[in-house]
Amino acid sequence: MGKVNIGPRYYRVTVIIKPEGFNKILLEGLFVYGKEAYTLSEIKKKCWEFLKPQINFEKYDIDPEQVRTDIKLTSLPVDFLLNADQK
């Protein structure tokens, strides 16, 4: 079992999707969690489960289960996160 961190934690997520025969796709995002604890492998799995249905693989006749992914996590050592648009 990997290291478990108890939140709130913030991670910068970089996802490289490599479908065979196509250019790679680079996506970046932010993963935030509060009270639950996740291992790094669980975070990567949650990110891929979130992204996979949002990418139109069918348009290019690509099987999403056959693409290679490289997911990198970088911990952001912050004490707070402010969303100025949130009310």
N, C-alpha and C. Protein backbone atom coordinates (compact mmCIF):
# COMPACT_ATOMS: atom_id res chain seq x y z
N MET A 1 0.84 -1.18 0.00
CA MET A 1 0.00 0.00 0.00
C MET A 1 0.88 1.24 0.00
N GLY A 2 0.52 2.23 -0.82
CA GLY A 2 1.30 3.44 -0.94
C GLY A 2 1.07 4.38 0.23
N LYS A 3 1.81 5.45 0.22
CA LYS A 3 1.69 6.46 1.26
C LYS A 3 0.32 7.11 1.19
N VAL A 4 -0.32 7.29 2.32
CA VAL A 4 -1.64 7.90 2.38
C VAL A 4 -1.51 9.28 3.00
N ASN A 5 -2.03 10.28 2.31
CA ASN A 5 -2.00 11.65 2.82
C ASN A 5 -3.41 12.05 3.24
N ILE A 6 -3.52 12.72 4.36
CA ILE A 6 -4.81 13.19 4.83
C ILE A 6 -4.90 14.67 4.51
N GLY A 7 -6.02 15.09 3.90
CA GLY A 7 -6.21 16.41 3.31
C GLY A 7 -6.39 17.52 4.30
N PRO A 8 -6.62 18.73 3.83
CA PRO A 8 -6.75 19.01 2.40
C PRO A 8 -5.40 19.01 1.70
N ARG A 9 -5.41 18.47 0.51
CA ARG A 9 -4.19 18.40 -0.30
C ARG A 9 -4.51 18.86 -1.71
N TYR A 10 -3.50 19.40 -2.36
CA TYR A 10 -3.64 19.92 -3.72
C TYR A 10 -2.53 19.31 -4.58
N TYR A 11 -2.93 18.80 -5.74
CA TYR A 11 -1.96 18.21 -6.66
C TYR A 11 -2.16 18.79 -8.05
N ARG A 12 -1.06 19.16 -8.67
CA ARG A 12 -1.08 19.48 -10.09
C ARG A 12 -0.97 18.15 -10.82
N VAL A 13 -1.88 17.94 -11.78
CA VAL A 13 -1.93 16.67 -12.50
C VAL A 13 -1.59 16.93 -13.96
N THR A 14 -0.62 16.19 -14.48
CA THR A 14 -0.27 16.25 -15.90
C THR A 14 -0.56 14.88 -16.48
N VAL A 15 -1.41 14.87 -17.51
CA VAL A 15 -1.81 13.62 -18.15
C VAL A 15 -1.36 13.65 -19.61
N ILE A 16 -0.58 12.66 -20.00
CA ILE A 16 -0.18 12.51 -21.40
C ILE A 16 -0.86 11.25 -21.91
N ILE A 17 -1.70 11.43 -22.93
CA ILE A 17 -2.43 10.32 -23.53
C ILE A 17 -1.76 10.02 -24.86
N LYS A 18 -1.40 8.75 -25.07
CA LYS A 18 -0.65 8.36 -26.26
C LYS A 18 -1.43 7.31 -27.06
N PRO A 19 -2.38 7.76 -27.90
CA PRO A 19 -3.08 6.78 -28.74
C PRO A 19 -2.18 6.35 -29.89
N GLU A 20 -2.13 5.07 -30.17
CA GLU A 20 -1.26 4.55 -31.23
C GLU A 20 -1.67 5.12 -32.58
N GLY A 21 -0.70 5.67 -33.31
CA GLY A 21 -0.95 6.22 -34.64
C GLY A 21 -1.42 7.67 -34.63
N PHE A 22 -1.52 8.29 -33.45
CA PHE A 22 -1.97 9.68 -33.34
C PHE A 22 -0.98 10.47 -32.50
N ASN A 23 -1.06 11.78 -32.60
CA ASN A 23 -0.23 12.64 -31.75
C ASN A 23 -0.67 12.49 -30.30
N LYS A 24 0.26 12.69 -29.39
CA LYS A 24 -0.10 12.59 -27.98
C LYS A 24 -0.95 13.80 -27.58
N ILE A 25 -1.74 13.61 -26.54
CA ILE A 25 -2.61 14.66 -26.00
C ILE A 25 -2.08 14.99 -24.62
N LEU A 26 -1.86 16.27 -24.36
CA LEU A 26 -1.37 16.73 -23.06
C LEU A 26 -2.47 17.52 -22.36
N LEU A 27 -2.83 17.09 -21.16
CA LEU A 27 -3.84 17.77 -20.36
C LEU A 27 -3.26 18.05 -18.98
N GLU A 28 -3.63 19.19 -18.41
CA GLU A 28 -3.18 19.52 -17.06
C GLU A 28 -4.37 19.97 -16.24
N GLY A 29 -4.33 19.66 -14.97
CA GLY A 29 -5.44 20.02 -14.11
C GLY A 29 -5.01 20.07 -12.65
N LEU A 30 -6.00 20.21 -11.80
CA LEU A 30 -5.78 20.31 -10.36
C LEU A 30 -6.67 19.29 -9.67
N PHE A 31 -6.09 18.49 -8.79
CA PHE A 31 -6.83 17.52 -8.00
C PHE A 31 -6.79 17.99 -6.56
N VAL A 32 -7.97 18.17 -5.98
CA VAL A 32 -8.08 18.66 -4.61
C VAL A 32 -8.94 17.69 -3.82
N TYR A 33 -8.50 17.35 -2.62
CA TYR A 33 -9.36 16.57 -1.75
C TYR A 33 -9.25 17.08 -0.33
N GLY A 34 -10.32 16.86 0.40
CA GLY A 34 -10.40 17.40 1.75
C GLY A 34 -10.12 16.38 2.83
N LYS A 35 -11.15 15.75 3.33
CA LYS A 35 -11.02 14.91 4.52
C LYS A 35 -10.66 13.47 4.21
N GLU A 36 -11.00 12.98 3.03
CA GLU A 36 -10.66 11.59 2.70
C GLU A 36 -9.16 11.48 2.43
N ALA A 37 -8.66 10.26 2.50
CA ALA A 37 -7.25 10.01 2.22
C ALA A 37 -7.14 9.17 0.95
N TYR A 38 -6.19 9.51 0.08
CA TYR A 38 -5.96 8.80 -1.17
C TYR A 38 -4.48 8.50 -1.33
N THR A 39 -4.18 7.35 -1.90
CA THR A 39 -2.81 7.07 -2.29
C THR A 39 -2.60 7.74 -3.65
N LEU A 40 -1.35 7.86 -4.06
CA LEU A 40 -1.06 8.47 -5.36
C LEU A 40 -1.66 7.65 -6.50
N SER A 41 -1.63 6.33 -6.38
CA SER A 41 -2.21 5.49 -7.44
C SER A 41 -3.73 5.67 -7.50
N GLU A 42 -4.37 5.88 -6.37
CA GLU A 42 -5.82 6.13 -6.36
C GLU A 42 -6.14 7.47 -7.02
N ILE A 43 -5.31 8.48 -6.80
CA ILE A 43 -5.50 9.78 -7.42
C ILE A 43 -5.38 9.66 -8.93
N LYS A 44 -4.36 8.95 -9.39
CA LYS A 44 -4.18 8.75 -10.84
C LYS A 44 -5.37 8.04 -11.45
N LYS A 45 -5.87 7.01 -10.75
CA LYS A 45 -7.03 6.26 -11.25
C LYS A 45 -8.26 7.16 -11.32
N LYS A 46 -8.50 7.96 -10.29
CA LYS A 46 -9.65 8.87 -10.28
C LYS A 46 -9.55 9.89 -11.40
N CYS A 47 -8.36 10.41 -11.65
CA CYS A 47 -8.17 11.38 -12.73
C CYS A 47 -8.49 10.76 -14.09
N TRP A 48 -7.99 9.54 -14.33
CA TRP A 48 -8.24 8.88 -15.61
C TRP A 48 -9.72 8.55 -15.76
N GLU A 49 -10.36 8.08 -14.69
CA GLU A 49 -11.80 7.79 -14.75
C GLU A 49 -12.61 9.05 -15.03
N PHE A 50 -12.14 10.19 -14.56
CA PHE A 50 -12.81 11.46 -14.82
C PHE A 50 -12.62 11.90 -16.28
N LEU A 51 -11.40 11.76 -16.79
CA LEU A 51 -11.08 12.25 -18.13
C LEU A 51 -11.58 11.36 -19.27
N LYS A 52 -11.48 10.06 -19.08
CA LYS A 52 -11.77 9.11 -20.16
C LYS A 52 -13.12 9.34 -20.84
N PRO A 53 -14.22 9.53 -20.10
CA PRO A 53 -15.50 9.73 -20.80
C PRO A 53 -15.63 11.09 -21.48
N GLN A 54 -14.75 12.03 -21.14
CA GLN A 54 -14.84 13.37 -21.71
C GLN A 54 -14.08 13.52 -23.03
N ILE A 55 -13.28 12.53 -23.37
CA ILE A 55 -12.50 12.57 -24.61
C ILE A 55 -13.24 11.76 -25.66
N ASN A 56 -13.42 12.33 -26.83
CA ASN A 56 -14.20 11.69 -27.89
C ASN A 56 -13.31 10.71 -28.68
N PHE A 57 -12.98 9.58 -28.07
CA PHE A 57 -12.15 8.57 -28.72
C PHE A 57 -12.85 7.96 -29.92
N GLU A 58 -14.18 7.80 -29.83
CA GLU A 58 -14.95 7.15 -30.88
C GLU A 58 -14.85 7.90 -32.21
N LYS A 59 -14.75 9.22 -32.13
CA LYS A 59 -14.66 10.04 -33.34
C LYS A 59 -13.49 9.60 -34.22
N TYR A 60 -12.41 9.17 -33.60
CA TYR A 60 -11.21 8.75 -34.33
C TYR A 60 -11.02 7.24 -34.31
N ASP A 61 -12.06 6.53 -33.90
CA ASP A 61 -12.04 5.06 -33.86
C ASP A 61 -10.88 4.54 -33.00
N ILE A 62 -10.75 5.11 -31.80
CA ILE A 62 -9.70 4.72 -30.86
C ILE A 62 -10.36 4.03 -29.67
N ASP A 63 -9.82 2.89 -29.28
CA ASP A 63 -10.31 2.19 -28.09
C ASP A 63 -9.64 2.81 -26.86
N PRO A 64 -10.42 3.46 -25.97
CA PRO A 64 -9.81 4.12 -24.81
C PRO A 64 -9.08 3.16 -23.87
N GLU A 65 -9.41 1.88 -23.94
CA GLU A 65 -8.73 0.90 -23.10
C GLU A 65 -7.35 0.53 -23.66
N GLN A 66 -7.08 0.89 -24.91
CA GLN A 66 -5.83 0.53 -25.55
C GLN A 66 -4.81 1.68 -25.58
N VAL A 67 -5.20 2.88 -25.18
CA VAL A 67 -4.25 4.00 -25.20
C VAL A 67 -3.32 3.91 -24.00
N ARG A 68 -2.11 4.39 -24.18
CA ARG A 68 -1.16 4.46 -23.08
C ARG A 68 -1.31 5.83 -22.42
N THR A 69 -1.24 5.85 -21.12
CA THR A 69 -1.32 7.12 -20.40
C THR A 69 -0.12 7.24 -19.47
N ASP A 70 0.30 8.46 -19.29
CA ASP A 70 1.36 8.79 -18.34
C ASP A 70 0.80 9.91 -17.48
N ILE A 71 0.56 9.62 -16.20
CA ILE A 71 -0.03 10.60 -15.30
C ILE A 71 0.99 10.95 -14.24
N LYS A 72 1.30 12.24 -14.15
CA LYS A 72 2.29 12.71 -13.17
C LYS A 72 1.60 13.63 -12.18
N LEU A 73 1.96 13.48 -10.92
CA LEU A 73 1.39 14.30 -9.85
C LEU A 73 2.49 15.13 -9.21
N THR A 74 2.17 16.40 -8.96
CA THR A 74 3.09 17.27 -8.26
C THR A 74 2.33 17.90 -7.10
N SER A 75 2.80 17.66 -5.89
CA SER A 75 2.15 18.22 -4.71
C SER A 75 2.35 19.73 -4.69
N LEU A 76 1.27 20.45 -4.42
CA LEU A 76 1.35 21.90 -4.31
C LEU A 76 1.29 22.26 -2.83
N PRO A 77 2.39 22.70 -2.26
CA PRO A 77 2.42 23.00 -0.83
C PRO A 77 1.78 24.36 -0.54
N VAL A 78 0.45 24.35 -0.46
CA VAL A 78 -0.28 25.58 -0.19
C VAL A 78 -1.11 25.41 1.07
N ASP A 79 -1.42 26.51 1.71
CA ASP A 79 -2.24 26.48 2.92
C ASP A 79 -3.70 26.80 2.64
N PHE A 80 -3.98 27.42 1.48
CA PHE A 80 -5.37 27.70 1.13
C PHE A 80 -5.51 27.81 -0.37
N LEU A 81 -6.74 27.71 -0.83
CA LEU A 81 -7.09 27.85 -2.23
C LEU A 81 -8.28 28.78 -2.29
N LEU A 82 -8.17 29.87 -3.03
CA LEU A 82 -9.23 30.87 -3.12
C LEU A 82 -9.78 30.89 -4.54
N ASN A 83 -11.06 30.62 -4.68
CA ASN A 83 -11.74 30.73 -5.97
C ASN A 83 -12.50 32.04 -5.91
N ALA A 84 -12.01 33.05 -6.61
CA ALA A 84 -12.58 34.40 -6.54
C ALA A 84 -14.00 34.46 -7.09
N ASP A 85 -14.39 33.51 -7.95
CA ASP A 85 -15.72 33.53 -8.54
C ASP A 85 -16.75 32.81 -7.67
N GLN A 86 -16.31 32.04 -6.71
CA GLN A 86 -17.23 31.28 -5.88
C GLN A 86 -17.90 32.20 -4.86
N LYS A 87 -19.21 32.02 -4.69
CA LYS A 87 -19.95 32.87 -3.75
C LYS A 87 -20.24 32.15 -2.48
